[in-house]
Amino acid sequence: MVTAFVFITCEPRRISDIAQEIAELPNVAEVYSVTGDYDIIAVLRVNAYESLDDAVPGGIARIDGVRHTTTVLAFRRYSRRDLEAGFDIGLS
């Protein structure tokens, strides 16, 4: 499974509508409106790297009002338990 984070800039007046449209696309796990340089971040989960072509340029980028996308792929997922174990130095 490939996890991708898509950072999206869009027309300000359409942020909410665009976020809703993205949330309804296949392979979209989560959608967030955010502060900073981007307006929306979408979390995608696809079975194969090649499927990102349909999801990002073939899906998200074609939504009316989307100006730009930047996609970042995840190498590894860490859970809270993994992070706690990584900082455990064995003191009780």
N, C-alpha and C. Protein backbone atom coordinates (compact mmCIF):
# COMPACT_ATOMS: atom_id res chain seq x y z
N MET A 1 0.85 -1.18 0.00
CA MET A 1 0.00 0.00 0.00
C MET A 1 0.89 1.24 0.00
N VAL A 2 0.57 2.19 -0.85
CA VAL A 2 1.30 3.45 -0.95
C VAL A 2 0.46 4.54 -0.30
N THR A 3 1.08 5.30 0.60
CA THR A 3 0.41 6.44 1.22
C THR A 3 1.03 7.70 0.66
N ALA A 4 0.19 8.62 0.22
CA ALA A 4 0.66 9.89 -0.34
C ALA A 4 -0.07 11.04 0.34
N PHE A 5 0.64 12.12 0.53
CA PHE A 5 0.08 13.35 1.06
C PHE A 5 0.07 14.36 -0.08
N VAL A 6 -1.10 14.89 -0.40
CA VAL A 6 -1.23 15.84 -1.50
C VAL A 6 -1.52 17.21 -0.90
N PHE A 7 -0.60 18.14 -1.12
CA PHE A 7 -0.74 19.51 -0.65
C PHE A 7 -1.35 20.31 -1.80
N ILE A 8 -2.45 21.00 -1.52
CA ILE A 8 -3.26 21.60 -2.58
C ILE A 8 -3.47 23.08 -2.33
N THR A 9 -3.24 23.88 -3.37
CA THR A 9 -3.63 25.29 -3.33
C THR A 9 -4.82 25.45 -4.28
N CYS A 10 -5.76 26.27 -3.87
CA CYS A 10 -6.96 26.43 -4.68
C CYS A 10 -7.52 27.84 -4.54
N GLU A 11 -8.54 28.12 -5.31
CA GLU A 11 -9.21 29.42 -5.23
C GLU A 11 -9.83 29.54 -3.84
N PRO A 12 -9.52 30.61 -3.13
CA PRO A 12 -9.99 30.76 -1.75
C PRO A 12 -11.50 30.62 -1.57
N ARG A 13 -12.27 31.11 -2.49
CA ARG A 13 -13.73 31.06 -2.34
C ARG A 13 -14.28 29.65 -2.49
N ARG A 14 -13.46 28.70 -2.96
CA ARG A 14 -13.94 27.34 -3.22
C ARG A 14 -13.32 26.29 -2.31
N ILE A 15 -12.57 26.68 -1.28
CA ILE A 15 -11.85 25.72 -0.45
C ILE A 15 -12.77 24.64 0.10
N SER A 16 -13.87 25.02 0.69
CA SER A 16 -14.79 24.05 1.30
C SER A 16 -15.38 23.11 0.25
N ASP A 17 -15.83 23.66 -0.86
CA ASP A 17 -16.41 22.84 -1.92
C ASP A 17 -15.39 21.87 -2.50
N ILE A 18 -14.18 22.35 -2.72
CA ILE A 18 -13.11 21.52 -3.27
C ILE A 18 -12.76 20.40 -2.29
N ALA A 19 -12.67 20.73 -1.02
CA ALA A 19 -12.36 19.71 -0.01
C ALA A 19 -13.41 18.60 -0.02
N GLN A 20 -14.68 18.98 -0.14
CA GLN A 20 -15.76 17.99 -0.20
C GLN A 20 -15.64 17.11 -1.44
N GLU A 21 -15.32 17.72 -2.59
CA GLU A 21 -15.17 16.96 -3.83
C GLU A 21 -14.00 15.98 -3.72
N ILE A 22 -12.91 16.42 -3.13
CA ILE A 22 -11.74 15.55 -2.96
C ILE A 22 -12.09 14.39 -2.05
N ALA A 23 -12.81 14.65 -0.98
CA ALA A 23 -13.17 13.61 -0.01
C ALA A 23 -13.99 12.49 -0.65
N GLU A 24 -14.68 12.78 -1.72
CA GLU A 24 -15.52 11.80 -2.39
C GLU A 24 -14.78 10.99 -3.45
N LEU A 25 -13.53 11.34 -3.75
CA LEU A 25 -12.76 10.62 -4.76
C LEU A 25 -12.29 9.27 -4.23
N PRO A 26 -12.14 8.29 -5.13
CA PRO A 26 -11.60 6.99 -4.71
C PRO A 26 -10.19 7.14 -4.15
N ASN A 27 -9.83 6.32 -3.20
CA ASN A 27 -8.49 6.26 -2.59
C ASN A 27 -8.15 7.43 -1.68
N VAL A 28 -9.08 8.33 -1.46
CA VAL A 28 -8.84 9.45 -0.54
C VAL A 28 -9.28 9.00 0.85
N ALA A 29 -8.31 8.96 1.78
CA ALA A 29 -8.60 8.50 3.14
C ALA A 29 -9.03 9.64 4.05
N GLU A 30 -8.38 10.80 3.90
CA GLU A 30 -8.66 11.95 4.77
C GLU A 30 -8.41 13.23 4.00
N VAL A 31 -9.13 14.29 4.39
CA VAL A 31 -8.96 15.61 3.79
C VAL A 31 -9.00 16.65 4.91
N TYR A 32 -8.04 17.57 4.89
CA TYR A 32 -7.95 18.60 5.92
C TYR A 32 -7.83 19.98 5.28
N SER A 33 -8.53 20.97 5.81
CA SER A 33 -8.23 22.35 5.46
C SER A 33 -7.15 22.78 6.46
N VAL A 34 -6.17 23.51 5.99
CA VAL A 34 -5.00 23.82 6.82
C VAL A 34 -4.58 25.28 6.67
N THR A 35 -3.70 25.71 7.58
CA THR A 35 -3.11 27.03 7.49
C THR A 35 -1.76 26.92 6.80
N GLY A 36 -1.21 28.04 6.39
CA GLY A 36 0.12 28.03 5.80
C GLY A 36 0.09 28.23 4.30
N ASP A 37 1.07 27.64 3.63
CA ASP A 37 1.23 27.82 2.19
C ASP A 37 0.20 27.07 1.35
N TYR A 38 -0.47 26.10 1.95
CA TYR A 38 -1.45 25.29 1.23
C TYR A 38 -2.83 25.49 1.86
N ASP A 39 -3.85 25.18 1.08
CA ASP A 39 -5.23 25.33 1.55
C ASP A 39 -5.80 24.01 2.06
N ILE A 40 -5.40 22.91 1.42
CA ILE A 40 -5.95 21.59 1.73
C ILE A 40 -4.81 20.57 1.69
N ILE A 41 -4.90 19.58 2.59
CA ILE A 41 -4.03 18.41 2.51
C ILE A 41 -4.92 17.19 2.43
N ALA A 42 -4.67 16.33 1.43
CA ALA A 42 -5.41 15.09 1.28
C ALA A 42 -4.46 13.92 1.51
N VAL A 43 -4.93 12.92 2.23
CA VAL A 43 -4.16 11.70 2.46
C VAL A 43 -4.75 10.63 1.54
N LEU A 44 -3.91 10.09 0.67
CA LEU A 44 -4.35 9.05 -0.26
C LEU A 44 -3.70 7.73 0.09
N ARG A 45 -4.42 6.65 -0.11
CA ARG A 45 -3.88 5.31 0.05
C ARG A 45 -4.26 4.52 -1.19
N VAL A 46 -3.23 4.10 -1.94
CA VAL A 46 -3.44 3.36 -3.18
C VAL A 46 -2.67 2.05 -3.13
N ASN A 47 -3.10 1.09 -3.91
CA ASN A 47 -2.45 -0.22 -3.92
C ASN A 47 -1.13 -0.22 -4.68
N ALA A 48 -0.98 0.67 -5.63
CA ALA A 48 0.24 0.70 -6.45
C ALA A 48 0.61 2.15 -6.77
N TYR A 49 1.89 2.39 -6.87
CA TYR A 49 2.42 3.72 -7.18
C TYR A 49 1.76 4.29 -8.44
N GLU A 50 1.57 3.44 -9.45
CA GLU A 50 0.99 3.89 -10.72
C GLU A 50 -0.42 4.44 -10.57
N SER A 51 -1.12 4.02 -9.52
CA SER A 51 -2.50 4.49 -9.29
C SER A 51 -2.55 5.97 -8.92
N LEU A 52 -1.42 6.52 -8.50
CA LEU A 52 -1.38 7.94 -8.16
C LEU A 52 -1.66 8.82 -9.38
N ASP A 53 -1.37 8.30 -10.56
CA ASP A 53 -1.64 9.06 -11.79
C ASP A 53 -3.13 9.34 -11.93
N ASP A 54 -3.95 8.35 -11.65
CA ASP A 54 -5.41 8.55 -11.71
C ASP A 54 -5.90 9.43 -10.57
N ALA A 55 -5.27 9.29 -9.40
CA ALA A 55 -5.74 10.00 -8.21
C ALA A 55 -5.37 11.48 -8.18
N VAL A 56 -4.15 11.81 -8.60
CA VAL A 56 -3.71 13.21 -8.48
C VAL A 56 -3.92 13.98 -9.78
N PRO A 57 -3.11 13.79 -10.83
CA PRO A 57 -3.37 14.59 -12.02
C PRO A 57 -4.69 14.23 -12.71
N GLY A 58 -5.11 12.97 -12.59
CA GLY A 58 -6.36 12.55 -13.22
C GLY A 58 -7.59 12.81 -12.37
N GLY A 59 -7.41 13.16 -11.10
CA GLY A 59 -8.55 13.38 -10.21
C GLY A 59 -8.52 14.73 -9.53
N ILE A 60 -7.68 14.86 -8.52
CA ILE A 60 -7.63 16.09 -7.72
C ILE A 60 -7.32 17.33 -8.57
N ALA A 61 -6.31 17.25 -9.41
CA ALA A 61 -5.88 18.41 -10.19
C ALA A 61 -6.91 18.86 -11.22
N ARG A 62 -7.86 17.99 -11.55
CA ARG A 62 -8.89 18.35 -12.53
C ARG A 62 -10.12 19.01 -11.92
N ILE A 63 -10.16 19.09 -10.62
CA ILE A 63 -11.30 19.73 -9.96
C ILE A 63 -11.24 21.23 -10.21
N ASP A 64 -12.36 21.80 -10.60
CA ASP A 64 -12.43 23.23 -10.88
C ASP A 64 -12.04 24.03 -9.64
N GLY A 65 -11.06 24.92 -9.79
CA GLY A 65 -10.61 25.75 -8.69
C GLY A 65 -9.30 25.31 -8.07
N VAL A 66 -8.85 24.08 -8.37
CA VAL A 66 -7.54 23.62 -7.88
C VAL A 66 -6.47 24.30 -8.73
N ARG A 67 -5.57 25.00 -8.08
CA ARG A 67 -4.51 25.75 -8.79
C ARG A 67 -3.22 24.97 -8.89
N HIS A 68 -2.87 24.23 -7.82
CA HIS A 68 -1.57 23.54 -7.80
C HIS A 68 -1.60 22.40 -6.79
N THR A 69 -0.89 21.32 -7.12
CA THR A 69 -0.74 20.22 -6.17
C THR A 69 0.74 19.87 -6.03
N THR A 70 1.11 19.44 -4.83
CA THR A 70 2.44 18.90 -4.55
C THR A 70 2.20 17.59 -3.81
N THR A 71 2.79 16.51 -4.31
CA THR A 71 2.57 15.20 -3.72
C THR A 71 3.83 14.69 -3.05
N VAL A 72 3.67 14.18 -1.83
CA VAL A 72 4.77 13.63 -1.05
C VAL A 72 4.40 12.19 -0.71
N LEU A 73 5.34 11.26 -0.95
CA LEU A 73 5.09 9.85 -0.65
C LEU A 73 5.68 9.48 0.70
N ALA A 74 4.98 8.62 1.42
CA ALA A 74 5.46 8.16 2.72
C ALA A 74 6.33 6.92 2.53
N PHE A 75 7.45 6.86 3.27
CA PHE A 75 8.31 5.69 3.27
C PHE A 75 7.85 4.67 4.30
N ARG A 76 7.52 5.16 5.49
CA ARG A 76 7.21 4.28 6.60
C ARG A 76 6.21 4.97 7.51
N ARG A 77 5.35 4.18 8.14
CA ARG A 77 4.36 4.70 9.09
C ARG A 77 4.81 4.34 10.49
N TYR A 78 4.71 5.29 11.40
CA TYR A 78 5.03 5.06 12.80
C TYR A 78 3.78 5.25 13.62
N SER A 79 3.52 4.33 14.53
CA SER A 79 2.40 4.48 15.44
C SER A 79 2.90 5.09 16.73
N ARG A 80 1.99 5.50 17.58
CA ARG A 80 2.36 6.07 18.88
C ARG A 80 3.21 5.07 19.66
N ARG A 81 2.83 3.80 19.61
CA ARG A 81 3.59 2.76 20.32
C ARG A 81 5.01 2.66 19.78
N ASP A 82 5.18 2.73 18.45
CA ASP A 82 6.52 2.69 17.85
C ASP A 82 7.36 3.86 18.32
N LEU A 83 6.76 5.04 18.38
CA LEU A 83 7.49 6.22 18.80
C LEU A 83 7.89 6.14 20.26
N GLU A 84 6.98 5.65 21.11
CA GLU A 84 7.29 5.49 22.52
C GLU A 84 8.42 4.49 22.72
N ALA A 85 8.41 3.38 21.97
CA ALA A 85 9.46 2.37 22.09
C ALA A 85 10.79 2.93 21.62
N GLY A 86 10.77 3.80 20.63
CA GLY A 86 12.00 4.39 20.13
C GLY A 86 12.68 5.29 21.15
N PHE A 87 11.91 5.86 22.06
CA PHE A 87 12.47 6.75 23.08
C PHE A 87 12.67 6.06 24.42
N ASP A 88 12.31 4.79 24.50
CA ASP A 88 12.47 4.02 25.75
C ASP A 88 13.93 3.63 25.91
N ILE A 89 14.57 4.07 26.99
CA ILE A 89 15.97 3.73 27.21
C ILE A 89 16.13 2.65 28.28
N GLY A 90 15.00 2.05 28.64
CA GLY A 90 15.04 0.92 29.54
C GLY A 90 15.06 1.24 31.02
N LEU A 91 14.81 2.46 31.40
CA LEU A 91 14.76 2.81 32.82
C LEU A 91 13.36 2.58 33.36
N SER A 92 13.27 1.97 34.52
CA SER A 92 11.97 1.73 35.13
C SER A 92 11.81 2.54 36.39
